[in-house]
Amino acid sequence: MNAFQPLDQVDAARVFVYSHTADDGLPPSSATIADHFGCTAADALELLKAVAARKALTLDPATGEIWMAPPFSARRTAFQVHGDRTSWWANCSWDMLGIPATLGVSARIEAHCGCCDEPMHIAVDAQRGPVSGDGLVHFLVPARQWYRDIGFT
C-alpha cells in the first residue's frame, strides 16, 4: 500500500496558497486561485472557505478573501520580513520570527513596538536563528486563547 495519498482539492489549494505566498510575498486573491485551478471566482471563494475550515487560513469576514495564512499576513502590519528576493508581512511578533523559520531563509525584520511604536530591527540567520536586535516580545493573550479572536490577537 502506498503511504502517500494524492492531495484532495482543499489540500491542493492550501499548498498553492502557501507556495504563492512564499514566492510572491502576499497570499493569492480568489481570482488568482480561480485562474490556477480553472474554476470560477465564486468556486475559489468556496475553496478558501474549505481551507479555512481546516484552520489553515483566516478569511476576511467582509470579502471572503485571505486575511491571514499564518505566519503570513495579506495586509500591511507593523511586522515586515525581508528575505533576499521577497518581503512578507507577518501578523504579529511571533509570526515575524516564524516566517524565516518556516521558509528556512535568512531575513531582516523591521517591526514597531506595540506600546511606543519605536522601530525594532532584527537580523535572522537561517543557520543560527536571531543574531541581532534588542527587544522584548509581550503576548497579551495566552496562546490557548489566540483563536478565540485571532484578529485581535
N, C-alpha and C. Protein backbone atom coordinates (compact mmCIF):
# COMPACT_ATOMS: atom_id res chain seq x y z
N MET A 1 0.84 -1.19 0.00
CA MET A 1 0.00 0.00 0.00
C MET A 1 0.88 1.25 0.00
N ASN A 2 0.50 2.22 -0.79
CA ASN A 2 1.24 3.48 -0.89
C ASN A 2 0.94 4.35 0.32
N ALA A 3 1.98 4.80 1.03
CA ALA A 3 1.80 5.63 2.22
C ALA A 3 1.39 7.06 1.85
N PHE A 4 1.64 7.47 0.62
CA PHE A 4 1.32 8.82 0.20
C PHE A 4 0.05 8.82 -0.62
N GLN A 5 -0.92 9.54 -0.17
CA GLN A 5 -2.19 9.65 -0.88
C GLN A 5 -2.18 10.95 -1.69
N PRO A 6 -2.85 10.97 -2.82
CA PRO A 6 -2.91 12.22 -3.59
C PRO A 6 -3.64 13.30 -2.79
N LEU A 7 -3.26 14.54 -3.04
CA LEU A 7 -3.91 15.66 -2.37
C LEU A 7 -5.34 15.81 -2.85
N ASP A 8 -6.24 16.10 -1.93
CA ASP A 8 -7.58 16.47 -2.38
C ASP A 8 -7.53 17.94 -2.79
N GLN A 9 -8.61 18.45 -3.34
CA GLN A 9 -8.61 19.81 -3.86
C GLN A 9 -8.37 20.84 -2.76
N VAL A 10 -8.88 20.59 -1.57
CA VAL A 10 -8.68 21.53 -0.46
C VAL A 10 -7.21 21.59 -0.07
N ASP A 11 -6.57 20.43 0.04
CA ASP A 11 -5.14 20.41 0.36
C ASP A 11 -4.33 21.04 -0.77
N ALA A 12 -4.71 20.78 -2.01
CA ALA A 12 -4.01 21.37 -3.15
C ALA A 12 -4.13 22.89 -3.11
N ALA A 13 -5.28 23.40 -2.72
CA ALA A 13 -5.46 24.86 -2.60
C ALA A 13 -4.58 25.41 -1.49
N ARG A 14 -4.52 24.71 -0.37
CA ARG A 14 -3.65 25.15 0.74
C ARG A 14 -2.20 25.21 0.29
N VAL A 15 -1.74 24.17 -0.39
CA VAL A 15 -0.36 24.14 -0.89
C VAL A 15 -0.13 25.29 -1.87
N PHE A 16 -1.09 25.53 -2.76
CA PHE A 16 -0.95 26.64 -3.71
C PHE A 16 -0.87 27.98 -2.99
N VAL A 17 -1.74 28.20 -2.02
CA VAL A 17 -1.74 29.47 -1.27
C VAL A 17 -0.39 29.71 -0.62
N TYR A 18 0.13 28.71 0.07
CA TYR A 18 1.40 28.89 0.77
C TYR A 18 2.58 29.00 -0.19
N SER A 19 2.59 28.25 -1.26
CA SER A 19 3.67 28.35 -2.25
C SER A 19 3.67 29.73 -2.90
N HIS A 20 2.48 30.18 -3.29
CA HIS A 20 2.34 31.50 -3.91
C HIS A 20 2.81 32.59 -2.94
N THR A 21 2.40 32.49 -1.70
CA THR A 21 2.76 33.49 -0.70
C THR A 21 4.26 33.51 -0.46
N ALA A 22 4.87 32.35 -0.34
CA ALA A 22 6.31 32.27 -0.14
C ALA A 22 7.06 32.91 -1.31
N ASP A 23 6.58 32.69 -2.52
CA ASP A 23 7.26 33.22 -3.71
C ASP A 23 6.97 34.69 -3.96
N ASP A 24 5.72 35.11 -3.76
CA ASP A 24 5.29 36.46 -4.16
C ASP A 24 5.17 37.46 -3.03
N GLY A 25 5.18 37.01 -1.78
CA GLY A 25 5.12 37.93 -0.66
C GLY A 25 3.73 38.15 -0.11
N LEU A 26 2.70 37.89 -0.90
CA LEU A 26 1.32 38.05 -0.44
C LEU A 26 0.50 36.84 -0.86
N PRO A 27 -0.51 36.49 -0.08
CA PRO A 27 -1.38 35.39 -0.50
C PRO A 27 -2.11 35.73 -1.80
N PRO A 28 -2.47 34.73 -2.57
CA PRO A 28 -3.17 34.98 -3.83
C PRO A 28 -4.62 35.42 -3.59
N SER A 29 -5.13 36.17 -4.53
CA SER A 29 -6.55 36.55 -4.49
C SER A 29 -7.39 35.37 -4.97
N SER A 30 -8.68 35.46 -4.74
CA SER A 30 -9.56 34.40 -5.24
C SER A 30 -9.50 34.33 -6.77
N ALA A 31 -9.30 35.46 -7.43
CA ALA A 31 -9.18 35.46 -8.90
C ALA A 31 -7.94 34.69 -9.34
N THR A 32 -6.83 34.86 -8.63
CA THR A 32 -5.61 34.12 -8.95
C THR A 32 -5.81 32.63 -8.69
N ILE A 33 -6.49 32.30 -7.61
CA ILE A 33 -6.78 30.90 -7.31
C ILE A 33 -7.70 30.30 -8.38
N ALA A 34 -8.69 31.07 -8.80
CA ALA A 34 -9.60 30.60 -9.85
C ALA A 34 -8.83 30.33 -11.14
N ASP A 35 -7.93 31.23 -11.52
CA ASP A 35 -7.11 31.03 -12.72
C ASP A 35 -6.27 29.76 -12.60
N HIS A 36 -5.66 29.58 -11.42
CA HIS A 36 -4.78 28.43 -11.22
C HIS A 36 -5.54 27.10 -11.32
N PHE A 37 -6.72 27.05 -10.73
CA PHE A 37 -7.48 25.80 -10.69
C PHE A 37 -8.52 25.68 -11.81
N GLY A 38 -8.63 26.72 -12.65
CA GLY A 38 -9.58 26.65 -13.77
C GLY A 38 -11.02 26.61 -13.31
N CYS A 39 -11.33 27.44 -12.31
CA CYS A 39 -12.71 27.48 -11.80
C CYS A 39 -13.17 28.93 -11.74
N THR A 40 -14.39 29.13 -11.32
CA THR A 40 -14.91 30.49 -11.19
C THR A 40 -14.39 31.13 -9.90
N ALA A 41 -14.50 32.46 -9.82
CA ALA A 41 -14.10 33.17 -8.61
C ALA A 41 -14.97 32.73 -7.43
N ALA A 42 -16.25 32.49 -7.69
CA ALA A 42 -17.15 32.03 -6.62
C ALA A 42 -16.72 30.66 -6.11
N ASP A 43 -16.32 29.77 -7.01
CA ASP A 43 -15.82 28.45 -6.60
C ASP A 43 -14.53 28.59 -5.81
N ALA A 44 -13.67 29.52 -6.22
CA ALA A 44 -12.41 29.75 -5.50
C ALA A 44 -12.69 30.23 -4.08
N LEU A 45 -13.68 31.11 -3.90
CA LEU A 45 -14.05 31.57 -2.55
C LEU A 45 -14.58 30.41 -1.70
N GLU A 46 -15.33 29.52 -2.31
CA GLU A 46 -15.81 28.32 -1.59
C GLU A 46 -14.64 27.42 -1.20
N LEU A 47 -13.69 27.31 -2.09
CA LEU A 47 -12.49 26.51 -1.80
C LEU A 47 -11.72 27.13 -0.63
N LEU A 48 -11.62 28.45 -0.61
CA LEU A 48 -10.95 29.12 0.51
C LEU A 48 -11.68 28.87 1.82
N LYS A 49 -13.01 28.86 1.78
CA LYS A 49 -13.78 28.55 2.99
C LYS A 49 -13.45 27.15 3.50
N ALA A 50 -13.28 26.21 2.59
CA ALA A 50 -12.95 24.84 2.98
C ALA A 50 -11.55 24.76 3.58
N VAL A 51 -10.61 25.51 3.02
CA VAL A 51 -9.26 25.55 3.59
C VAL A 51 -9.30 26.19 4.98
N ALA A 52 -10.06 27.26 5.11
CA ALA A 52 -10.18 27.94 6.41
C ALA A 52 -10.85 27.04 7.45
N ALA A 53 -11.78 26.21 7.02
CA ALA A 53 -12.45 25.28 7.95
C ALA A 53 -11.45 24.29 8.55
N ARG A 54 -10.36 24.05 7.84
CA ARG A 54 -9.30 23.16 8.35
C ARG A 54 -8.28 23.94 9.18
N LYS A 55 -8.59 25.19 9.50
CA LYS A 55 -7.75 26.06 10.34
C LYS A 55 -6.41 26.39 9.70
N ALA A 56 -6.34 26.37 8.36
CA ALA A 56 -5.11 26.70 7.67
C ALA A 56 -5.06 28.15 7.22
N LEU A 57 -6.19 28.83 7.22
CA LEU A 57 -6.29 30.23 6.80
C LEU A 57 -7.30 30.94 7.67
N THR A 58 -7.20 32.26 7.70
CA THR A 58 -8.26 33.10 8.26
C THR A 58 -8.72 34.01 7.13
N LEU A 59 -10.02 34.04 6.91
CA LEU A 59 -10.57 34.84 5.81
C LEU A 59 -11.13 36.16 6.33
N ASP A 60 -11.08 37.16 5.47
CA ASP A 60 -11.68 38.45 5.78
C ASP A 60 -13.18 38.24 5.86
N PRO A 61 -13.81 38.58 7.00
CA PRO A 61 -15.24 38.33 7.12
C PRO A 61 -16.10 39.10 6.12
N ALA A 62 -15.60 40.23 5.64
CA ALA A 62 -16.39 41.05 4.72
C ALA A 62 -16.28 40.57 3.27
N THR A 63 -15.07 40.10 2.87
CA THR A 63 -14.86 39.78 1.46
C THR A 63 -14.69 38.30 1.17
N GLY A 64 -14.32 37.52 2.17
CA GLY A 64 -14.04 36.10 1.96
C GLY A 64 -12.65 35.84 1.41
N GLU A 65 -11.90 36.91 1.15
CA GLU A 65 -10.52 36.76 0.66
C GLU A 65 -9.61 36.40 1.84
N ILE A 66 -8.39 35.98 1.53
CA ILE A 66 -7.44 35.59 2.57
C ILE A 66 -7.03 36.82 3.37
N TRP A 67 -7.12 36.73 4.67
CA TRP A 67 -6.65 37.77 5.58
C TRP A 67 -5.31 37.33 6.16
N MET A 68 -5.25 36.06 6.61
CA MET A 68 -4.03 35.52 7.19
C MET A 68 -3.83 34.09 6.69
N ALA A 69 -2.61 33.81 6.30
CA ALA A 69 -2.16 32.45 6.03
C ALA A 69 -0.95 32.27 6.94
N PRO A 70 -1.22 32.04 8.22
CA PRO A 70 -0.15 32.09 9.23
C PRO A 70 1.08 31.30 8.82
N PRO A 71 2.25 31.92 8.94
CA PRO A 71 2.56 33.16 9.64
C PRO A 71 2.45 34.42 8.77
N PHE A 72 1.93 34.30 7.56
CA PHE A 72 1.86 35.42 6.63
C PHE A 72 0.57 36.21 6.78
N SER A 73 0.67 37.53 6.56
CA SER A 73 -0.50 38.40 6.55
C SER A 73 -0.73 38.88 5.12
N ALA A 74 -1.98 39.06 4.76
CA ALA A 74 -2.32 39.61 3.44
C ALA A 74 -2.42 41.13 3.50
N ARG A 75 -2.21 41.69 4.68
CA ARG A 75 -2.31 43.14 4.87
C ARG A 75 -1.03 43.69 5.47
N ARG A 76 -0.81 44.97 5.25
CA ARG A 76 0.32 45.65 5.90
C ARG A 76 0.14 45.56 7.41
N THR A 77 1.24 45.28 8.08
CA THR A 77 1.22 45.23 9.54
C THR A 77 2.46 45.95 10.06
N ALA A 78 2.65 45.93 11.34
CA ALA A 78 3.84 46.53 11.95
C ALA A 78 5.05 45.59 11.89
N PHE A 79 4.91 44.47 11.18
CA PHE A 79 5.96 43.45 11.16
C PHE A 79 6.26 43.05 9.72
N GLN A 80 7.38 43.58 9.18
CA GLN A 80 7.75 43.23 7.81
C GLN A 80 9.05 42.42 7.83
N VAL A 81 9.05 41.36 7.05
CA VAL A 81 10.18 40.44 6.97
C VAL A 81 10.74 40.51 5.55
N HIS A 82 12.05 40.78 5.45
CA HIS A 82 12.70 40.91 4.14
C HIS A 82 13.67 39.76 3.93
N GLY A 83 13.42 38.95 2.91
CA GLY A 83 14.36 37.91 2.50
C GLY A 83 15.23 38.45 1.38
N ASP A 84 16.01 37.59 0.78
CA ASP A 84 16.88 38.02 -0.33
C ASP A 84 16.09 38.44 -1.56
N ARG A 85 14.98 37.73 -1.85
CA ARG A 85 14.22 38.01 -3.08
C ARG A 85 12.81 38.51 -2.83
N THR A 86 12.29 38.30 -1.64
CA THR A 86 10.89 38.60 -1.37
C THR A 86 10.75 39.20 0.02
N SER A 87 9.71 40.01 0.19
CA SER A 87 9.35 40.53 1.52
C SER A 87 7.93 40.07 1.83
N TRP A 88 7.68 39.88 3.12
CA TRP A 88 6.37 39.42 3.58
C TRP A 88 5.92 40.26 4.76
N TRP A 89 4.63 40.31 4.99
CA TRP A 89 4.06 40.92 6.18
C TRP A 89 3.71 39.78 7.15
N ALA A 90 4.03 39.98 8.41
CA ALA A 90 3.69 39.00 9.44
C ALA A 90 2.51 39.53 10.24
N ASN A 91 1.75 38.61 10.83
CA ASN A 91 0.58 39.00 11.61
C ASN A 91 0.94 39.59 12.97
N CYS A 92 2.06 39.16 13.52
CA CYS A 92 2.43 39.55 14.89
C CYS A 92 3.91 39.29 15.10
N SER A 93 4.39 39.58 16.30
CA SER A 93 5.81 39.37 16.60
C SER A 93 6.18 37.89 16.56
N TRP A 94 5.27 37.03 16.96
CA TRP A 94 5.52 35.58 16.88
C TRP A 94 5.71 35.18 15.42
N ASP A 95 4.82 35.64 14.56
CA ASP A 95 4.88 35.27 13.14
C ASP A 95 6.06 35.89 12.41
N MET A 96 6.53 37.06 12.87
CA MET A 96 7.67 37.69 12.20
C MET A 96 8.91 36.80 12.32
N LEU A 97 9.01 36.06 13.40
CA LEU A 97 10.10 35.09 13.56
C LEU A 97 9.76 33.77 12.89
N GLY A 98 8.47 33.49 12.76
CA GLY A 98 8.02 32.25 12.14
C GLY A 98 8.24 32.21 10.65
N ILE A 99 8.20 33.36 9.98
CA ILE A 99 8.38 33.38 8.52
C ILE A 99 9.77 32.88 8.14
N PRO A 100 10.85 33.46 8.67
CA PRO A 100 12.16 32.91 8.28
C PRO A 100 12.35 31.46 8.72
N ALA A 101 11.79 31.11 9.88
CA ALA A 101 11.91 29.72 10.35
C ALA A 101 11.15 28.78 9.42
N THR A 102 9.95 29.15 9.00
CA THR A 102 9.15 28.32 8.11
C THR A 102 9.82 28.13 6.75
N LEU A 103 10.36 29.21 6.23
CA LEU A 103 10.95 29.17 4.89
C LEU A 103 12.42 28.74 4.89
N GLY A 104 13.04 28.72 6.07
CA GLY A 104 14.45 28.36 6.16
C GLY A 104 15.36 29.36 5.49
N VAL A 105 15.02 30.67 5.64
CA VAL A 105 15.80 31.73 5.00
C VAL A 105 16.36 32.70 6.03
N SER A 106 17.43 33.35 5.66
CA SER A 106 17.92 34.47 6.44
C SER A 106 17.04 35.67 6.11
N ALA A 107 16.87 36.56 7.09
CA ALA A 107 15.96 37.69 6.86
C ALA A 107 16.32 38.87 7.74
N ARG A 108 15.86 40.03 7.29
CA ARG A 108 15.89 41.25 8.09
C ARG A 108 14.46 41.57 8.47
N ILE A 109 14.23 41.80 9.74
CA ILE A 109 12.88 42.09 10.20
C ILE A 109 12.82 43.53 10.64
N GLU A 110 11.82 44.23 10.15
CA GLU A 110 11.53 45.60 10.58
C GLU A 110 10.18 45.56 11.28
N ALA A 111 10.18 45.96 12.53
CA ALA A 111 8.95 45.93 13.32
C ALA A 111 8.84 47.21 14.12
N HIS A 112 7.69 47.37 14.76
CA HIS A 112 7.47 48.51 15.63
C HIS A 112 6.91 48.02 16.96
N CYS A 113 7.39 48.63 18.01
CA CYS A 113 6.94 48.28 19.35
C CYS A 113 5.45 48.55 19.48
N GLY A 114 4.74 47.62 20.08
CA GLY A 114 3.29 47.76 20.25
C GLY A 114 2.88 48.84 21.23
N CYS A 115 3.75 49.19 22.17
CA CYS A 115 3.34 50.20 23.15
C CYS A 115 3.82 51.60 22.81
N CYS A 116 4.98 51.73 22.19
CA CYS A 116 5.51 53.08 21.94
C CYS A 116 5.79 53.36 20.47
N ASP A 117 5.60 52.37 19.60
CA ASP A 117 5.81 52.48 18.16
C ASP A 117 7.26 52.73 17.76
N GLU A 118 8.20 52.48 18.68
CA GLU A 118 9.62 52.61 18.35
C GLU A 118 9.99 51.53 17.33
N PRO A 119 10.82 51.89 16.35
CA PRO A 119 11.22 50.86 15.37
C PRO A 119 12.14 49.82 16.02
N MET A 120 11.99 48.57 15.57
CA MET A 120 12.85 47.48 16.01
C MET A 120 13.39 46.78 14.76
N HIS A 121 14.65 46.39 14.82
CA HIS A 121 15.29 45.71 13.69
C HIS A 121 15.95 44.43 14.20
N ILE A 122 15.68 43.34 13.52
CA ILE A 122 16.22 42.05 13.91
C ILE A 122 16.79 41.38 12.66
N ALA A 123 17.99 40.83 12.81
CA ALA A 123 18.57 40.03 11.73
C ALA A 123 18.44 38.57 12.12
N VAL A 124 17.98 37.75 11.17
CA VAL A 124 17.84 36.32 11.40
C VAL A 124 18.73 35.59 10.42
N ASP A 125 19.59 34.73 10.95
CA ASP A 125 20.45 33.88 10.14
C ASP A 125 19.79 32.52 10.02
N ALA A 126 19.63 32.02 8.80
CA ALA A 126 18.93 30.76 8.58
C ALA A 126 19.57 29.60 9.33
N GLN A 127 20.85 29.69 9.59
CA GLN A 127 21.55 28.60 10.27
C GLN A 127 21.53 28.74 11.80
N ARG A 128 21.52 29.98 12.30
CA ARG A 128 21.68 30.18 13.74
C ARG A 128 20.49 30.81 14.43
N GLY A 129 19.51 31.29 13.70
CA GLY A 129 18.36 31.95 14.33
C GLY A 129 18.60 33.43 14.47
N PRO A 130 17.84 34.12 15.36
CA PRO A 130 18.04 35.56 15.55
C PRO A 130 19.47 35.84 16.00
N VAL A 131 20.13 36.75 15.31
CA VAL A 131 21.52 37.04 15.63
C VAL A 131 21.74 38.46 16.09
N SER A 132 20.78 39.35 15.88
CA SER A 132 20.96 40.70 16.38
C SER A 132 19.60 41.35 16.59
N GLY A 133 19.60 42.31 17.46
CA GLY A 133 18.38 43.04 17.74
C GLY A 133 18.06 42.98 19.21
N ASP A 134 17.51 44.06 19.70
CA ASP A 134 17.10 44.14 21.09
C ASP A 134 15.59 44.25 21.13
N GLY A 135 15.02 43.79 22.20
CA GLY A 135 13.59 43.95 22.35
C GLY A 135 13.01 42.88 23.24
N LEU A 136 11.79 43.09 23.57
CA LEU A 136 11.04 42.17 24.40
C LEU A 136 9.71 41.94 23.71
N VAL A 137 9.35 40.69 23.56
CA VAL A 137 8.07 40.36 22.96
C VAL A 137 7.11 40.04 24.08
N HIS A 138 5.97 40.72 24.09
CA HIS A 138 4.95 40.50 25.11
C HIS A 138 3.70 39.98 24.43
N PHE A 139 3.21 38.85 24.92
CA PHE A 139 1.99 38.28 24.37
C PHE A 139 0.84 38.61 25.32
N LEU A 140 -0.01 39.51 24.89
CA LEU A 140 -1.13 39.99 25.69
C LEU A 140 -2.15 38.89 25.95
N VAL A 141 -2.31 38.00 24.98
CA VAL A 141 -3.31 36.93 25.07
C VAL A 141 -2.58 35.60 25.21
N PRO A 142 -2.95 34.75 26.16
CA PRO A 142 -2.32 33.43 26.27
C PRO A 142 -2.52 32.62 24.98
N ALA A 143 -1.54 31.84 24.61
CA ALA A 143 -1.58 31.08 23.35
C ALA A 143 -2.84 30.24 23.23
N ARG A 144 -3.32 29.66 24.31
CA ARG A 144 -4.51 28.80 24.23
C ARG A 144 -5.76 29.59 23.84
N GLN A 145 -5.69 30.92 23.91
CA GLN A 145 -6.86 31.75 23.58
C GLN A 145 -6.70 32.52 22.27
N TRP A 146 -5.62 32.33 21.55
CA TRP A 146 -5.36 33.11 20.34
C TRP A 146 -6.49 33.02 19.33
N TYR A 147 -7.05 31.85 19.12
CA TYR A 147 -8.04 31.68 18.06
C TYR A 147 -9.46 32.02 18.49
N ARG A 148 -9.64 32.48 19.71
CA ARG A 148 -10.97 32.98 20.10
C ARG A 148 -11.29 34.25 19.32
N ASP A 149 -10.26 35.08 19.09
CA ASP A 149 -10.39 36.29 18.27
C ASP A 149 -9.04 36.57 17.66
N ILE A 150 -8.70 35.82 16.61
CA ILE A 150 -7.37 35.90 16.02
C ILE A 150 -7.07 37.28 15.45
N GLY A 151 -8.08 38.00 15.02
CA GLY A 151 -7.85 39.36 14.51
C GLY A 151 -7.36 40.30 15.60
N PHE A 152 -7.84 40.14 16.81
CA PHE A 152 -7.40 40.94 17.94
C PHE A 152 -6.02 40.49 18.40
N THR A 153 -5.84 39.18 18.47
CA THR A 153 -4.59 38.61 18.98
C THR A 153 -3.44 39.09 18.12
